[in-house]
C-alpha cells in the first residue's frame, strides 16, 4: 500500500462496524432527548428530517448529547425553571447553523480526502447514509437506509493503521511539527463552575476540554465534555452551585451519593435563589417530566456522615458510564513538548479523547494542547505531497 492508495479509499471503508445513529424526530422535546440518552447506550442522537418523496434521503438537522442538555438547562434563561425547559423542542439544543457547519453529510462513495477536507473545514462530525444490515435496533423510520457518524477519531485511527507510510513524520515531536497551541479554554479551581459554561460549549464544539489550572499555571485537572456526556441532568444543579474545582470532584463520584455533598449543593442553590435547580436535583425525571416527591438524593440527617465535598467520591444515581473509563477529572491526559506524534496519537486513542494537554516535566506547568484537528492537518499535508 502507498500513500496514493489511501487517497483512493472511500468513506464507506471508515463506516465498517459503525452502528447506525439513533434518530430523534424534530417533534421531540428536550425531555425526550434526555430520556433517550439515559436509556440507551448512545452518547449522542441525530435530529433529522426526511424527504417525503424520497424517505431514504435523510436530512440531518444536527446531533445532541448530554452536554448540550446540561448547557441548555444552565443557560441564563432556564436557571430559574429547568424543569419547564425540558418541555421545549429538542431543536432548542442545536447551535445556530448546526446543519451547515458542525455536521455535514457525505456520501459513502466519497473519497477519504474529500471527507477529511470537510472535517478540517470545521465540521465536528460527518453523517454518512449507510444500509442497515442485520441490525437489531428499532428506528422511527421504515427507510432502508440509516445514518452513521464519522468523527475526527475515526480518521486518526485510519491514519494510525497506515502510520508507516508517512515515515519519518510520525516520529517527529509535536513541537517540531508545530502542533502545540495555547490552551485558551481554562479556568481556576475557585472560579464558579457556571462561569465556565461558555468554555464548555466551546470545548464541545472544538472537541477539546476546559483546563482547570492553578494561579501559577499548573494543570490541576479538566472539565471534559467527554466525561459530562456520560453523566445525567443532575450535574446541572451542581454546575450552577459549585466551583470549578468542586465540580471536578462531583462528576468523579463513584459509589453511593455523599450526603454532605448533596447538602452543600442544596444549601448553595437556596442561597443563590435557584429553587428551580433545587427542584431538578430532587426530581425523578420521567414523562411528563414532573418532579417526584421521592428523591434518590435525600439529605436525611439520619444517614451516615460523609467527608466534605472536596474529598467525596459518591456516585449519584442515574449517572451512566463516565467511570468505566477508569479516569478522573484530575487525571487529565498529558504529554510533553518532545513527545512524538505517533505516541500522542496512541495515547489519545487509548483514552478515547481527541486532545492531549502538553505540560513540562517539572511542575506540570500547562504549556498548551495538541488536538486531533491539528494532527489531521499534518496527514492532509502529507497526502498533498
Protein backbone atom coordinates (compact mmCIF):
# COMPACT_ATOMS: atom_id res chain seq x y z
CA UNK A 1 0.00 0.00 0.00
CA UNK A 2 1.16 3.53 -0.75
CA UNK A 3 0.10 6.99 0.36
CA UNK A 4 -1.54 7.46 -3.04
CA UNK A 5 -3.65 4.36 -2.48
CA UNK A 6 -5.02 5.90 0.74
CA UNK A 7 -6.44 8.77 -1.28
CA UNK A 8 -8.42 6.30 -3.37
CA UNK A 9 -10.12 4.77 -0.35
CA UNK A 10 -13.80 5.56 0.12
CA UNK A 11 -15.63 6.89 3.17
CA UNK A 12 -17.52 3.61 3.33
CA UNK A 13 -14.28 1.95 4.49
CA UNK A 14 -14.41 4.05 7.66
CA UNK A 15 -18.03 3.07 8.30
CA UNK A 16 -17.36 -0.64 8.64
CA UNK A 17 -18.54 -1.77 12.06
CA UNK A 18 -20.07 1.61 12.90
CA UNK A 19 -23.58 1.32 14.38
CA UNK A 20 -26.43 3.31 12.87
CA UNK A 21 -27.05 6.66 14.51
CA UNK A 22 -30.02 6.75 16.85
CA UNK A 23 -32.58 9.22 15.46
CA UNK A 24 -34.71 11.76 17.27
CA UNK A 25 -37.52 13.48 15.37
CA UNK A 26 -37.76 17.25 15.33
CA UNK A 27 -41.11 16.92 17.13
CA UNK A 28 -39.31 15.56 20.20
CA UNK A 29 -38.73 17.68 23.30
CA UNK A 30 -35.59 18.27 25.33
CA UNK A 31 -37.02 15.84 27.88
CA UNK A 32 -37.43 13.20 25.17
CA UNK A 33 -33.79 13.64 24.22
CA UNK A 34 -32.77 13.38 27.88
CA UNK A 35 -34.66 10.12 28.40
CA UNK A 36 -33.34 8.67 25.14
CA UNK A 37 -29.74 9.40 26.14
CA UNK A 38 -30.27 7.98 29.62
CA UNK A 39 -31.97 4.81 28.43
CA UNK A 40 -29.69 3.89 25.55
CA UNK A 41 -26.02 3.24 25.04
CA UNK A 42 -25.60 6.13 22.63
CA UNK A 43 -23.61 9.20 23.59
CA UNK A 44 -25.46 11.33 21.09
CA UNK A 45 -28.62 11.39 19.00
CA UNK A 46 -29.20 12.64 15.48
CA UNK A 47 -32.05 15.07 14.91
CA UNK A 48 -33.16 14.59 11.35
CA UNK A 49 -35.90 15.20 8.83
CA UNK A 50 -36.81 13.01 5.89
CA UNK A 51 -37.79 14.00 2.37
CA UNK A 52 -41.38 12.87 1.81
CA UNK A 53 -40.97 11.68 -1.82
CA UNK A 54 -37.64 10.03 -1.00
CA UNK A 55 -37.63 8.92 2.65
CA UNK A 56 -34.27 7.22 2.18
CA UNK A 57 -32.76 10.71 1.87
CA UNK A 58 -32.44 11.88 5.45
CA UNK A 59 -31.57 15.48 6.13
CA UNK A 60 -29.59 15.80 9.32
CA UNK A 61 -30.52 18.84 11.39
CA UNK A 62 -27.71 18.15 13.87
CA UNK A 63 -26.76 15.95 16.79
CA UNK A 64 -27.24 16.36 20.52
CA UNK A 65 -25.58 14.84 23.57
CA UNK A 66 -25.94 15.16 27.33
CA UNK A 67 -23.55 18.13 27.35
CA UNK A 68 -25.97 20.05 25.13
CA UNK A 69 -28.75 19.36 27.62
CA UNK A 70 -26.65 20.36 30.64
CA UNK A 71 -25.59 23.62 28.99
CA UNK A 72 -29.19 24.29 27.95
CA UNK A 73 -30.56 23.74 31.46
CA UNK A 74 -27.86 26.01 32.91
CA UNK A 75 -28.44 28.78 30.40
CA UNK A 76 -29.43 32.08 31.99
CA UNK A 77 -32.99 31.92 30.72
CA UNK A 78 -33.51 28.40 32.14
CA UNK A 79 -31.78 28.60 35.53
CA UNK A 80 -34.98 29.53 37.36
CA UNK A 81 -37.17 26.88 35.71
CA UNK A 82 -35.10 23.99 34.34
CA UNK A 83 -37.99 21.54 34.69
CA UNK A 84 -40.14 23.66 32.40
CA UNK A 85 -37.22 23.89 29.95
CA UNK A 86 -37.42 20.12 29.46
CA UNK A 87 -40.67 20.67 27.56
CA UNK A 88 -39.02 22.83 24.91
CA UNK A 89 -38.47 21.40 21.39
CA UNK A 90 -35.29 19.38 21.03
CA UNK A 91 -34.25 21.72 18.24
CA UNK A 92 -33.54 24.28 21.00
CA UNK A 93 -30.45 22.22 21.80
CA UNK A 94 -28.94 22.80 18.38
CA UNK A 95 -26.47 25.65 17.91
CA UNK A 96 -27.12 28.13 15.07
CA UNK A 97 -26.26 26.80 11.62
CA UNK A 98 -25.56 23.34 13.03
CA UNK A 99 -26.66 21.59 9.86
CA UNK A 100 -24.28 23.57 7.64
CA UNK A 101 -21.24 23.93 9.86
CA UNK A 102 -20.80 21.39 12.66
CA UNK A 103 -22.48 18.44 10.95
CA UNK A 104 -22.12 17.64 7.26
CA UNK A 105 -23.42 14.85 5.11
CA UNK A 106 -21.06 12.92 2.85
CA UNK A 107 -21.82 10.01 0.57
CA UNK A 108 -20.32 6.56 1.20
CA UNK A 109 -18.60 6.73 -2.20
CA UNK A 110 -16.81 9.99 -1.34
CA UNK A 111 -13.05 9.77 -1.08
CA UNK A 112 -11.22 9.84 2.23
CA UNK A 113 -9.62 13.08 1.08
CA UNK A 114 -12.98 14.77 0.46
CA UNK A 115 -14.27 13.71 3.86
CA UNK A 116 -11.05 14.80 5.58
CA UNK A 117 -11.33 18.23 3.97
CA UNK A 118 -14.84 18.57 5.40
CA UNK A 119 -13.51 17.79 8.89
CA UNK A 120 -10.63 20.25 8.52
CA UNK A 121 -13.04 22.85 7.19
CA UNK A 122 -14.77 22.93 10.57
CA UNK A 123 -17.24 20.04 10.58
CA UNK A 124 -17.49 18.49 14.04
CA UNK A 125 -18.69 15.22 12.57
CA UNK A 126 -19.84 13.72 9.30
CA UNK A 127 -23.10 11.90 8.77
CA UNK A 128 -22.96 9.09 6.22
CA UNK A 129 -26.00 7.23 4.83
CA UNK A 130 -25.49 3.50 5.21
CA UNK A 131 -27.71 0.49 4.62
CA UNK A 132 -28.74 -1.14 7.87
CA UNK A 133 -27.87 -4.83 7.62
CA UNK A 134 -28.73 -7.35 10.32
CA UNK A 135 -29.34 -4.53 12.78
CA UNK A 136 -31.36 -5.35 15.86
CA UNK A 137 -32.16 -1.72 16.55
CA UNK A 138 -35.62 -0.34 16.05
CA UNK A 139 -35.88 3.07 14.46
CA UNK A 140 -38.67 5.53 13.95
CA UNK A 141 -38.30 5.34 10.17
CA UNK A 142 -39.01 2.35 7.96
CA UNK A 143 -36.43 3.59 5.45
CA UNK A 144 -33.96 1.07 4.05
CA UNK A 145 -31.11 3.50 4.66
CA UNK A 146 -29.69 4.58 8.00
CA UNK A 147 -27.08 7.06 9.06
CA UNK A 148 -23.79 6.66 10.91
CA UNK A 149 -21.39 9.17 12.41
CA UNK A 150 -17.77 9.72 11.49
CA UNK A 151 -15.64 11.84 13.80
CA UNK A 152 -12.05 13.03 13.99
CA UNK A 153 -11.25 9.90 15.98
CA UNK A 154 -12.23 7.67 13.06
CA UNK A 155 -9.81 9.48 10.76
CA UNK A 156 -6.96 9.40 13.29
CA UNK A 157 -7.46 5.63 13.70
CA UNK A 158 -7.46 5.27 9.92
CA UNK A 159 -4.10 7.03 9.57
CA UNK A 160 -2.60 5.22 12.56
CA UNK A 161 -3.32 1.91 10.84
CA UNK A 162 -1.11 3.07 7.96
CA UNK A 163 1.36 5.10 10.01
CA UNK A 164 4.46 3.50 8.43
CA UNK A 165 3.59 5.05 5.07
CA UNK A 166 4.17 8.53 6.48
CA UNK A 167 7.64 7.92 7.93
CA UNK A 168 9.59 9.80 9.24
CA UNK A 169 6.93 12.39 10.16
CA UNK A 170 5.21 10.31 12.92
CA UNK A 171 8.50 10.10 14.82
CA UNK A 172 8.89 13.88 14.98
CA UNK A 173 7.89 15.68 18.17
CA UNK A 174 4.66 17.62 18.42
CA UNK A 175 6.75 20.75 18.98
CA UNK A 176 8.81 20.22 15.82
CA UNK A 177 5.60 19.76 13.87
CA UNK A 178 4.12 22.97 15.31
CA UNK A 179 1.16 21.16 16.85
CA UNK A 180 1.29 22.68 20.33
CA UNK A 181 -1.22 25.52 20.52
CA UNK A 182 -2.03 27.67 23.57
CA UNK A 183 -4.70 26.28 25.89
CA UNK A 184 -7.29 29.04 25.53
CA UNK A 185 -10.08 27.29 27.44
CA UNK A 186 -9.06 27.38 31.09
CA UNK A 187 -10.50 28.26 34.50
CA UNK A 188 -9.16 28.35 38.04
CA UNK A 189 -10.46 25.84 40.61
CA UNK A 190 -12.01 28.61 42.72
CA UNK A 191 -13.95 30.10 39.79
CA UNK A 192 -17.71 29.44 39.77
CA UNK A 193 -18.40 26.44 37.58
CA UNK A 194 -21.23 28.36 35.96
CA UNK A 195 -18.72 30.87 34.61
CA UNK A 196 -17.13 28.01 32.67
CA UNK A 197 -20.36 27.32 30.77
CA UNK A 198 -19.32 29.25 27.61
CA UNK A 199 -15.98 27.43 27.71
CA UNK A 200 -17.72 24.05 27.99
CA UNK A 201 -19.83 24.92 24.96
CA UNK A 202 -16.72 25.94 23.04
CA UNK A 203 -14.87 22.79 24.10
CA UNK A 204 -17.78 20.65 22.91
CA UNK A 205 -17.76 22.35 19.51
CA UNK A 206 -13.97 22.09 19.22
CA UNK A 207 -13.89 18.56 20.67
CA UNK A 208 -11.38 19.58 23.32
CA UNK A 209 -11.75 20.28 27.05
CA UNK A 210 -11.61 23.01 29.69
CA UNK A 211 -8.37 23.04 31.68
CA UNK A 212 -8.50 23.74 35.41
CA UNK A 213 -5.25 25.48 36.29
CA UNK A 214 -3.76 26.93 39.46
CA UNK A 215 -2.88 30.59 39.81
CA UNK A 216 0.72 29.79 38.86
CA UNK A 217 -0.32 27.94 35.69
CA UNK A 218 -0.11 24.31 36.81
CA UNK A 219 -2.62 21.87 35.33
CA UNK A 220 -4.84 20.57 38.14
CA UNK A 221 -7.42 18.75 36.04
CA UNK A 222 -10.11 19.37 33.48
CA UNK A 223 -13.84 19.71 32.92
CA UNK A 224 -14.25 17.43 29.95
CA UNK A 225 -17.32 17.35 27.70
CA UNK A 226 -16.50 13.68 27.14
CA UNK A 227 -16.95 12.97 30.86
CA UNK A 228 -20.03 15.17 31.12
CA UNK A 229 -21.58 13.29 28.20
CA UNK A 230 -21.71 10.20 30.42
CA UNK A 231 -23.45 11.95 33.30
CA UNK A 232 -27.10 12.90 33.67
CA UNK A 233 -29.21 16.00 34.28
CA UNK A 234 -28.38 16.16 37.99
CA UNK A 235 -25.00 17.61 37.12
CA UNK A 236 -26.80 20.81 36.07
CA UNK A 237 -27.64 21.84 39.67
CA UNK A 238 -24.08 21.03 40.68
CA UNK A 239 -22.76 23.13 37.83
CA UNK A 240 -24.97 26.01 38.95
CA UNK A 241 -23.90 25.78 42.60
CA UNK A 242 -20.27 24.66 42.81
CA UNK A 243 -16.84 25.99 41.99
CA UNK A 244 -14.91 24.51 39.08
CA UNK A 245 -12.70 22.51 41.44
CA UNK A 246 -15.64 21.08 43.38
CA UNK A 247 -17.45 20.28 40.14
CA UNK A 248 -14.49 18.11 39.11
CA UNK A 249 -14.81 16.21 42.37
CA UNK A 250 -18.56 15.89 41.97
CA UNK A 251 -18.53 14.39 38.48
CA UNK A 252 -15.80 11.96 39.55
CA UNK A 253 -18.03 10.36 42.17
CA UNK A 254 -18.15 6.57 42.18
CA UNK A 255 -20.39 4.71 44.64
CA UNK A 256 -23.17 5.80 46.98
CA UNK A 257 -24.03 9.53 46.96
CA UNK A 258 -22.35 11.61 49.62
CA UNK A 259 -24.98 13.17 51.85
CA UNK A 260 -22.75 16.08 52.77
CA UNK A 261 -22.13 16.85 49.11
CA UNK A 262 -25.85 16.92 48.39
CA UNK A 263 -26.50 19.12 51.40
CA UNK A 264 -23.77 21.51 50.28
CA UNK A 265 -25.24 21.79 46.80
CA UNK A 266 -28.75 22.33 48.14
CA UNK A 267 -27.58 24.99 50.58
CA UNK A 268 -25.77 26.89 47.84
CA UNK A 269 -28.73 26.65 45.50
CA UNK A 270 -31.00 28.08 48.20
CA UNK A 271 -28.52 30.85 48.93
CA UNK A 272 -28.46 31.79 45.26
CA UNK A 273 -32.24 31.61 44.97
CA UNK A 274 -32.06 28.84 42.35
CA UNK A 275 -35.08 26.93 43.63
CA UNK A 276 -35.78 25.53 40.17
CA UNK A 277 -32.39 23.83 40.17
CA UNK A 278 -33.16 22.54 43.64
CA UNK A 279 -36.34 21.02 42.22
CA UNK A 280 -34.37 19.40 39.39
CA UNK A 281 -31.91 17.92 41.87
CA UNK A 282 -34.75 16.17 43.73
CA UNK A 283 -36.85 15.30 40.68
CA UNK A 284 -37.44 11.87 39.24
CA UNK A 285 -37.43 12.97 35.62
CA UNK A 286 -39.86 10.88 33.62
CA UNK A 287 -42.78 11.62 31.29
CA UNK A 288 -44.44 14.05 31.65
CA UNK A 289 -41.29 15.44 33.31
CA UNK A 290 -42.82 16.40 36.62
CA UNK A 291 -40.78 16.23 39.84
CA UNK A 292 -41.39 13.33 42.15
CA UNK A 293 -41.72 13.71 45.88
CA UNK A 294 -39.38 10.76 46.37
CA UNK A 295 -35.82 11.87 45.75
CA UNK A 296 -32.92 9.48 45.36
CA UNK A 297 -30.62 12.21 46.65
CA UNK A 298 -32.17 12.64 50.07
CA UNK A 299 -30.10 14.58 52.57
CA UNK A 300 -31.68 12.83 55.52
CA UNK A 301 -29.69 13.67 58.65
CA UNK A 302 -30.05 10.07 59.81
CA UNK A 303 -27.71 8.94 57.04
CA UNK A 304 -24.10 8.17 57.89
CA UNK A 305 -21.84 11.17 57.87
CA UNK A 306 -19.54 11.73 54.88
CA UNK A 307 -16.35 13.65 54.17
CA UNK A 308 -16.61 17.19 52.80
CA UNK A 309 -17.42 17.73 49.12
CA UNK A 310 -13.79 18.24 48.15
CA UNK A 311 -12.99 14.69 49.30
CA UNK A 312 -16.22 12.96 48.23
CA UNK A 313 -16.34 10.11 45.77
CA UNK A 314 -20.03 9.13 45.88
CA UNK A 315 -21.70 8.24 42.62
CA UNK A 316 -25.14 9.88 42.17
CA UNK A 317 -27.90 7.62 40.94
CA UNK A 318 -28.67 7.93 37.28
CA UNK A 319 -25.17 8.81 36.13
CA UNK A 320 -24.09 6.43 33.47
CA UNK A 321 -20.67 5.25 32.39
CA UNK A 322 -18.15 8.05 32.88
CA UNK A 323 -16.41 5.89 35.48
CA UNK A 324 -15.99 2.96 33.15
CA UNK A 325 -13.05 4.79 31.63
CA UNK A 326 -11.19 4.49 34.94
CA UNK A 327 -10.01 8.08 34.82
CA UNK A 328 -10.89 11.06 36.99
CA UNK A 329 -11.00 14.72 36.07
CA UNK A 330 -7.78 15.48 37.90
CA UNK A 331 -6.10 12.75 35.86
CA UNK A 332 -6.02 14.66 32.60
CA UNK A 333 -4.22 13.03 29.68
CA UNK A 334 -0.89 14.80 29.20
CA UNK A 335 2.21 14.62 27.04
CA UNK A 336 5.43 16.64 26.84
CA UNK A 337 6.69 19.07 24.19
CA UNK A 338 9.16 16.42 22.98
CA UNK A 339 6.56 13.62 22.70
CA UNK A 340 6.36 12.11 19.22
CA UNK A 341 3.32 12.48 17.01
CA UNK A 342 2.61 8.75 16.94
CA UNK A 343 2.94 8.48 20.73
CA UNK A 344 0.40 11.27 21.22
CA UNK A 345 -1.98 9.66 18.73
CA UNK A 346 -1.83 6.31 20.52
CA UNK A 347 -2.22 7.97 23.91
CA UNK A 348 -5.32 9.93 22.87
CA UNK A 349 -6.95 6.97 21.14
CA UNK A 350 -6.29 4.70 24.12
CA UNK A 351 -8.14 7.11 26.40
CA UNK A 352 -10.87 7.96 23.85
CA UNK A 353 -10.14 11.70 23.84
CA UNK A 354 -9.49 13.98 20.87
CA UNK A 355 -6.83 16.11 22.54
CA UNK A 356 -3.81 15.82 24.83
CA UNK A 357 -2.60 18.50 27.23
CA UNK A 358 1.07 19.46 26.90
CA UNK A 359 2.94 20.04 30.18
CA UNK A 360 6.57 20.45 31.17
CA UNK A 361 8.36 17.72 33.06
CA UNK A 362 8.97 19.55 36.32
CA UNK A 363 5.87 21.01 37.92
CA UNK A 364 3.08 20.14 35.45
CA UNK A 365 3.02 23.71 34.12
CA UNK A 366 0.50 23.86 31.29
CA UNK A 367 2.30 24.54 28.01
CA UNK A 368 -0.59 24.01 25.59
CA UNK A 369 -2.74 21.42 23.88
CA UNK A 370 -2.48 19.10 20.88
CA UNK A 371 -5.77 18.34 19.10
CA UNK A 372 -6.92 15.75 16.61
CA UNK A 373 -7.82 18.56 14.23
CA UNK A 374 -4.23 19.75 14.07
CA UNK A 375 -2.93 16.18 13.84
CA UNK A 376 -5.20 15.51 10.86
CA UNK A 377 -3.84 18.65 9.24
CA UNK A 378 -0.37 17.07 9.26
CA UNK A 379 -1.64 13.99 7.42
CA UNK A 380 -3.53 16.16 4.96
CA UNK A 381 -0.27 17.91 4.09
CA UNK A 382 1.44 14.56 3.66
CA UNK A 383 -1.28 13.39 1.28
CA UNK A 384 -0.79 16.51 -0.82
CA UNK A 385 2.91 15.75 -1.12
